[in-house]
């Protein structure tokens, strides 16, 4: 089940993405909104499960390197993003190509 963000948390978390139209938002919807508004950032999730889900959701839109992926979050948590990507790579869920881009493995 997708992690849900409930209003009134949304105005703080969506950083100007038209938050008045949202009542409940999954990380997938948030990721899609972030892709449409590249200057906006979202907080790095607190739990490992939510971090993994968020990274996978980001990679489902397009392959990214660590720095680009980290830039989608407030304070650019590059070390944490790297750890999640390494774990997902070890588990065979993502792969890194020759250019350093991470992408989801096709199932």
N, C-alpha and C. Protein backbone atom coordinates (compact mmCIF):
# COMPACT_ATOMS: atom_id res chain seq x y z
N UNK A 1 0.85 -1.18 0.00
CA UNK A 1 0.00 0.00 0.00
C UNK A 1 0.89 1.23 0.00
N UNK A 2 0.56 2.22 -0.79
CA UNK A 2 1.36 3.44 -0.91
C UNK A 2 1.28 4.24 0.38
N UNK A 3 2.41 4.81 0.78
CA UNK A 3 2.44 5.67 1.95
C UNK A 3 1.62 6.91 1.64
N UNK A 4 0.78 7.29 2.57
CA UNK A 4 -0.11 8.42 2.33
C UNK A 4 0.37 9.64 3.11
N UNK A 5 0.32 10.79 2.47
CA UNK A 5 0.59 12.07 3.11
C UNK A 5 -0.76 12.74 3.29
N UNK A 6 -1.07 13.13 4.50
CA UNK A 6 -2.37 13.72 4.77
C UNK A 6 -2.25 15.24 4.90
N UNK A 7 -3.25 15.97 4.41
CA UNK A 7 -3.34 17.39 4.70
C UNK A 7 -3.53 17.49 6.20
N UNK A 8 -2.95 18.43 6.89
CA UNK A 8 -2.31 19.66 6.45
C UNK A 8 -0.80 19.55 6.25
N UNK A 9 -0.22 18.34 6.26
CA UNK A 9 1.21 18.17 6.02
C UNK A 9 1.62 18.59 4.63
N UNK A 10 0.73 18.48 3.67
CA UNK A 10 1.08 18.69 2.28
C UNK A 10 1.67 20.05 1.96
N UNK A 11 1.15 21.16 2.46
CA UNK A 11 1.76 22.44 2.09
C UNK A 11 3.24 22.51 2.43
N UNK A 12 3.64 21.95 3.56
CA UNK A 12 5.05 21.95 3.93
C UNK A 12 5.85 21.01 3.05
N UNK A 13 5.32 19.89 2.71
CA UNK A 13 6.07 18.85 2.00
C UNK A 13 6.13 19.04 0.49
N UNK A 14 5.12 19.65 -0.08
CA UNK A 14 5.08 19.76 -1.53
C UNK A 14 5.73 21.03 -2.05
N UNK A 15 6.06 21.96 -1.18
CA UNK A 15 6.86 23.12 -1.54
C UNK A 15 6.34 23.84 -2.79
N UNK A 16 5.06 24.21 -2.76
CA UNK A 16 4.53 25.03 -3.83
C UNK A 16 4.08 24.29 -5.08
N UNK A 17 3.64 23.07 -4.96
CA UNK A 17 3.20 22.32 -6.14
C UNK A 17 1.68 22.37 -6.30
N UNK A 18 1.06 23.46 -5.92
CA UNK A 18 -0.39 23.53 -6.03
C UNK A 18 -1.05 22.69 -4.96
N UNK A 19 -0.56 22.80 -3.73
CA UNK A 19 -1.00 21.91 -2.65
C UNK A 19 -2.47 22.05 -2.32
N UNK A 20 -3.10 23.15 -2.69
CA UNK A 20 -4.50 23.30 -2.34
C UNK A 20 -5.40 22.29 -3.05
N UNK A 21 -4.95 21.66 -4.11
CA UNK A 21 -5.77 20.68 -4.82
C UNK A 21 -5.62 19.28 -4.26
N UNK A 22 -4.66 19.07 -3.37
CA UNK A 22 -4.41 17.74 -2.83
C UNK A 22 -5.05 17.59 -1.44
N UNK A 23 -5.68 16.48 -1.22
CA UNK A 23 -6.14 16.12 0.11
C UNK A 23 -5.30 14.97 0.66
N UNK A 24 -5.03 13.97 -0.18
CA UNK A 24 -4.19 12.84 0.16
C UNK A 24 -3.31 12.57 -1.05
N UNK A 25 -2.04 12.21 -0.78
CA UNK A 25 -1.10 12.07 -1.89
C UNK A 25 -0.16 10.90 -1.63
N UNK A 26 -0.05 9.97 -2.56
CA UNK A 26 0.91 8.87 -2.42
C UNK A 26 2.27 9.35 -2.89
N UNK A 27 3.34 8.62 -2.56
CA UNK A 27 4.68 8.98 -3.03
C UNK A 27 4.74 8.93 -4.55
N UNK A 28 4.00 8.03 -5.18
CA UNK A 28 3.99 7.96 -6.64
C UNK A 28 3.41 9.24 -7.24
N UNK A 29 2.30 9.70 -6.69
CA UNK A 29 1.70 10.96 -7.18
C UNK A 29 2.65 12.10 -6.92
N UNK A 30 3.25 12.12 -5.74
CA UNK A 30 4.21 13.17 -5.41
C UNK A 30 5.39 13.16 -6.38
N UNK A 31 5.88 11.98 -6.72
CA UNK A 31 6.99 11.86 -7.67
C UNK A 31 6.59 12.41 -9.04
N UNK A 32 5.39 12.09 -9.47
CA UNK A 32 4.92 12.62 -10.76
C UNK A 32 4.83 14.14 -10.73
N UNK A 33 4.34 14.68 -9.62
CA UNK A 33 4.26 16.13 -9.49
C UNK A 33 5.66 16.75 -9.48
N UNK A 34 6.60 16.08 -8.82
CA UNK A 34 7.98 16.58 -8.76
C UNK A 34 8.59 16.61 -10.15
N UNK A 35 8.29 15.62 -10.99
CA UNK A 35 8.83 15.59 -12.34
C UNK A 35 8.30 16.76 -13.16
N UNK A 36 7.08 17.16 -12.88
CA UNK A 36 6.49 18.30 -13.59
C UNK A 36 7.01 19.63 -13.08
N UNK A 37 7.57 19.65 -11.87
CA UNK A 37 8.08 20.87 -11.24
C UNK A 37 9.50 20.61 -10.73
N UNK A 38 10.50 20.59 -11.62
CA UNK A 38 11.83 20.16 -11.24
C UNK A 38 12.53 21.00 -10.17
N UNK A 39 12.11 22.23 -9.94
CA UNK A 39 12.75 23.06 -8.92
C UNK A 39 12.30 22.73 -7.51
N UNK A 40 11.21 21.99 -7.35
CA UNK A 40 10.67 21.68 -6.04
C UNK A 40 11.40 20.48 -5.43
N UNK A 41 11.44 20.45 -4.12
CA UNK A 41 12.06 19.32 -3.43
C UNK A 41 11.10 18.78 -2.38
N UNK A 42 11.33 17.54 -1.98
CA UNK A 42 10.53 16.90 -0.96
C UNK A 42 11.46 16.43 0.15
N UNK A 43 10.97 16.29 1.36
CA UNK A 43 11.82 15.79 2.44
C UNK A 43 12.25 14.35 2.17
N UNK A 44 13.46 14.00 2.61
CA UNK A 44 13.92 12.62 2.53
C UNK A 44 13.10 11.83 3.54
N UNK A 45 12.48 10.72 3.12
CA UNK A 45 11.65 9.94 4.05
C UNK A 45 12.43 9.46 5.27
N UNK A 46 11.73 9.32 6.37
CA UNK A 46 12.38 8.95 7.63
C UNK A 46 12.66 7.45 7.75
N UNK A 47 11.75 6.61 7.26
CA UNK A 47 11.93 5.17 7.42
C UNK A 47 12.62 4.58 6.19
N UNK A 48 13.34 3.50 6.42
CA UNK A 48 14.01 2.82 5.32
C UNK A 48 13.03 2.35 4.26
N UNK A 49 11.91 1.80 4.69
CA UNK A 49 10.89 1.34 3.75
C UNK A 49 10.42 2.49 2.85
N UNK A 50 10.16 3.64 3.43
CA UNK A 50 9.71 4.79 2.64
C UNK A 50 10.82 5.32 1.74
N UNK A 51 12.08 5.25 2.21
CA UNK A 51 13.21 5.68 1.39
C UNK A 51 13.34 4.80 0.15
N UNK A 52 13.23 3.49 0.35
CA UNK A 52 13.31 2.55 -0.77
C UNK A 52 12.19 2.81 -1.76
N UNK A 53 10.98 2.97 -1.25
CA UNK A 53 9.83 3.23 -2.11
C UNK A 53 10.03 4.53 -2.89
N UNK A 54 10.50 5.55 -2.23
CA UNK A 54 10.69 6.84 -2.88
C UNK A 54 11.76 6.77 -3.98
N UNK A 55 12.87 6.11 -3.70
CA UNK A 55 13.93 5.96 -4.71
C UNK A 55 13.42 5.15 -5.90
N UNK A 56 12.71 4.08 -5.63
CA UNK A 56 12.16 3.28 -6.74
C UNK A 56 11.16 4.09 -7.55
N UNK A 57 10.33 4.87 -6.88
CA UNK A 57 9.37 5.71 -7.60
C UNK A 57 10.09 6.73 -8.48
N UNK A 58 11.16 7.32 -7.96
CA UNK A 58 11.93 8.28 -8.75
C UNK A 58 12.54 7.59 -9.98
N UNK A 59 13.11 6.42 -9.78
CA UNK A 59 13.75 5.70 -10.89
C UNK A 59 12.74 5.16 -11.89
N UNK A 60 11.49 5.04 -11.49
CA UNK A 60 10.47 4.57 -12.44
C UNK A 60 10.16 5.62 -13.50
N UNK A 61 10.51 6.87 -13.23
CA UNK A 61 10.24 7.93 -14.21
C UNK A 61 11.36 8.03 -15.24
N UNK A 62 12.61 7.88 -14.80
CA UNK A 62 13.76 7.98 -15.70
C UNK A 62 15.02 7.52 -14.96
N UNK A 63 16.01 6.98 -15.66
CA UNK A 63 17.27 6.64 -15.00
C UNK A 63 17.95 7.91 -14.48
N UNK A 64 18.64 7.79 -13.36
CA UNK A 64 19.32 8.94 -12.74
C UNK A 64 20.60 8.50 -12.08
N UNK A 65 21.55 9.44 -11.98
CA UNK A 65 22.73 9.17 -11.17
C UNK A 65 22.43 9.58 -9.73
N UNK A 66 23.34 9.27 -8.83
CA UNK A 66 23.13 9.51 -7.41
C UNK A 66 22.89 10.98 -7.12
N UNK A 67 23.70 11.86 -7.70
CA UNK A 67 23.59 13.29 -7.43
C UNK A 67 22.24 13.84 -7.89
N UNK A 68 21.81 13.44 -9.07
CA UNK A 68 20.52 13.91 -9.59
C UNK A 68 19.38 13.42 -8.71
N UNK A 69 19.44 12.16 -8.34
CA UNK A 69 18.41 11.60 -7.48
C UNK A 69 18.37 12.32 -6.14
N UNK A 70 19.52 12.54 -5.53
CA UNK A 70 19.58 13.23 -4.24
C UNK A 70 19.06 14.66 -4.33
N UNK A 71 19.23 15.28 -5.49
CA UNK A 71 18.80 16.68 -5.64
C UNK A 71 17.28 16.83 -5.62
N UNK A 72 16.54 15.74 -5.70
CA UNK A 72 15.09 15.80 -5.64
C UNK A 72 14.59 15.94 -4.20
N UNK A 73 15.50 15.83 -3.24
CA UNK A 73 15.13 15.88 -1.83
C UNK A 73 15.76 17.08 -1.15
N UNK A 74 15.07 17.58 -0.15
CA UNK A 74 15.64 18.67 0.64
C UNK A 74 16.95 18.22 1.26
N UNK A 75 17.87 19.10 1.35
CA UNK A 75 19.22 18.87 1.92
C UNK A 75 20.03 17.85 1.15
N UNK A 76 19.58 17.43 -0.01
CA UNK A 76 20.33 16.53 -0.91
C UNK A 76 21.07 15.42 -0.15
N UNK A 77 20.34 14.43 0.36
CA UNK A 77 20.93 13.36 1.18
C UNK A 77 21.70 12.33 0.36
N UNK A 78 22.79 12.77 -0.26
CA UNK A 78 23.52 11.91 -1.19
C UNK A 78 24.02 10.62 -0.55
N UNK A 79 24.51 10.69 0.68
CA UNK A 79 25.01 9.48 1.34
C UNK A 79 23.89 8.46 1.55
N UNK A 80 22.75 8.92 2.01
CA UNK A 80 21.62 8.02 2.23
C UNK A 80 21.08 7.45 0.93
N UNK A 81 21.00 8.30 -0.09
CA UNK A 81 20.54 7.83 -1.41
C UNK A 81 21.51 6.77 -1.94
N UNK A 82 22.80 7.00 -1.78
CA UNK A 82 23.81 6.03 -2.21
C UNK A 82 23.62 4.69 -1.51
N UNK A 83 23.37 4.73 -0.20
CA UNK A 83 23.17 3.49 0.56
C UNK A 83 21.94 2.73 0.07
N UNK A 84 20.85 3.44 -0.21
CA UNK A 84 19.64 2.79 -0.71
C UNK A 84 19.90 2.20 -2.10
N UNK A 85 20.58 2.96 -2.96
CA UNK A 85 20.89 2.46 -4.31
C UNK A 85 21.79 1.23 -4.25
N UNK A 86 22.78 1.23 -3.36
CA UNK A 86 23.67 0.07 -3.23
C UNK A 86 22.89 -1.16 -2.76
N UNK A 87 21.98 -0.96 -1.82
CA UNK A 87 21.16 -2.08 -1.32
C UNK A 87 20.26 -2.62 -2.43
N UNK A 88 19.62 -1.71 -3.17
CA UNK A 88 18.73 -2.14 -4.25
C UNK A 88 19.52 -2.84 -5.37
N UNK A 89 20.74 -2.38 -5.61
CA UNK A 89 21.60 -3.02 -6.61
C UNK A 89 21.97 -4.42 -6.15
N UNK A 90 22.36 -4.55 -4.90
CA UNK A 90 22.74 -5.85 -4.34
C UNK A 90 21.57 -6.84 -4.39
N UNK A 91 20.36 -6.33 -4.20
CA UNK A 91 19.17 -7.18 -4.24
C UNK A 91 18.69 -7.45 -5.66
N UNK A 92 19.34 -6.83 -6.64
CA UNK A 92 18.99 -7.06 -8.03
C UNK A 92 17.77 -6.27 -8.50
N UNK A 93 17.38 -5.26 -7.75
CA UNK A 93 16.19 -4.48 -8.11
C UNK A 93 16.52 -3.30 -9.02
N UNK A 94 17.75 -2.82 -8.96
CA UNK A 94 18.20 -1.75 -9.86
C UNK A 94 19.57 -2.15 -10.39
N UNK A 95 19.97 -1.49 -11.46
CA UNK A 95 21.32 -1.70 -11.99
C UNK A 95 21.90 -0.35 -12.36
N UNK A 96 23.22 -0.29 -12.36
CA UNK A 96 23.93 0.92 -12.75
C UNK A 96 24.56 0.68 -14.11
N UNK A 97 24.34 1.60 -15.05
CA UNK A 97 24.92 1.42 -16.38
C UNK A 97 26.32 2.05 -16.44
N UNK A 98 26.93 1.99 -17.60
CA UNK A 98 28.30 2.47 -17.78
C UNK A 98 28.46 3.96 -17.55
N UNK A 99 27.37 4.72 -17.66
CA UNK A 99 27.44 6.17 -17.47
C UNK A 99 27.17 6.59 -16.03
N UNK A 100 26.92 5.61 -15.15
CA UNK A 100 26.65 5.91 -13.75
C UNK A 100 25.19 6.12 -13.43
N UNK A 101 24.34 5.94 -14.43
CA UNK A 101 22.89 6.10 -14.22
C UNK A 101 22.32 4.82 -13.62
N UNK A 102 21.45 4.99 -12.64
CA UNK A 102 20.74 3.85 -12.05
C UNK A 102 19.38 3.74 -12.72
N UNK A 103 18.96 2.52 -12.94
CA UNK A 103 17.64 2.27 -13.52
C UNK A 103 17.05 1.03 -12.90
N UNK A 104 15.72 0.98 -12.86
CA UNK A 104 15.05 -0.23 -12.36
C UNK A 104 15.31 -1.38 -13.32
N UNK A 105 15.48 -2.56 -12.75
CA UNK A 105 15.60 -3.75 -13.60
C UNK A 105 14.24 -4.12 -14.12
N UNK A 106 14.19 -4.51 -15.36
CA UNK A 106 12.93 -4.97 -15.95
C UNK A 106 12.60 -6.33 -15.38
N UNK A 107 11.32 -6.51 -15.06
CA UNK A 107 10.91 -7.80 -14.49
C UNK A 107 10.23 -8.66 -15.51
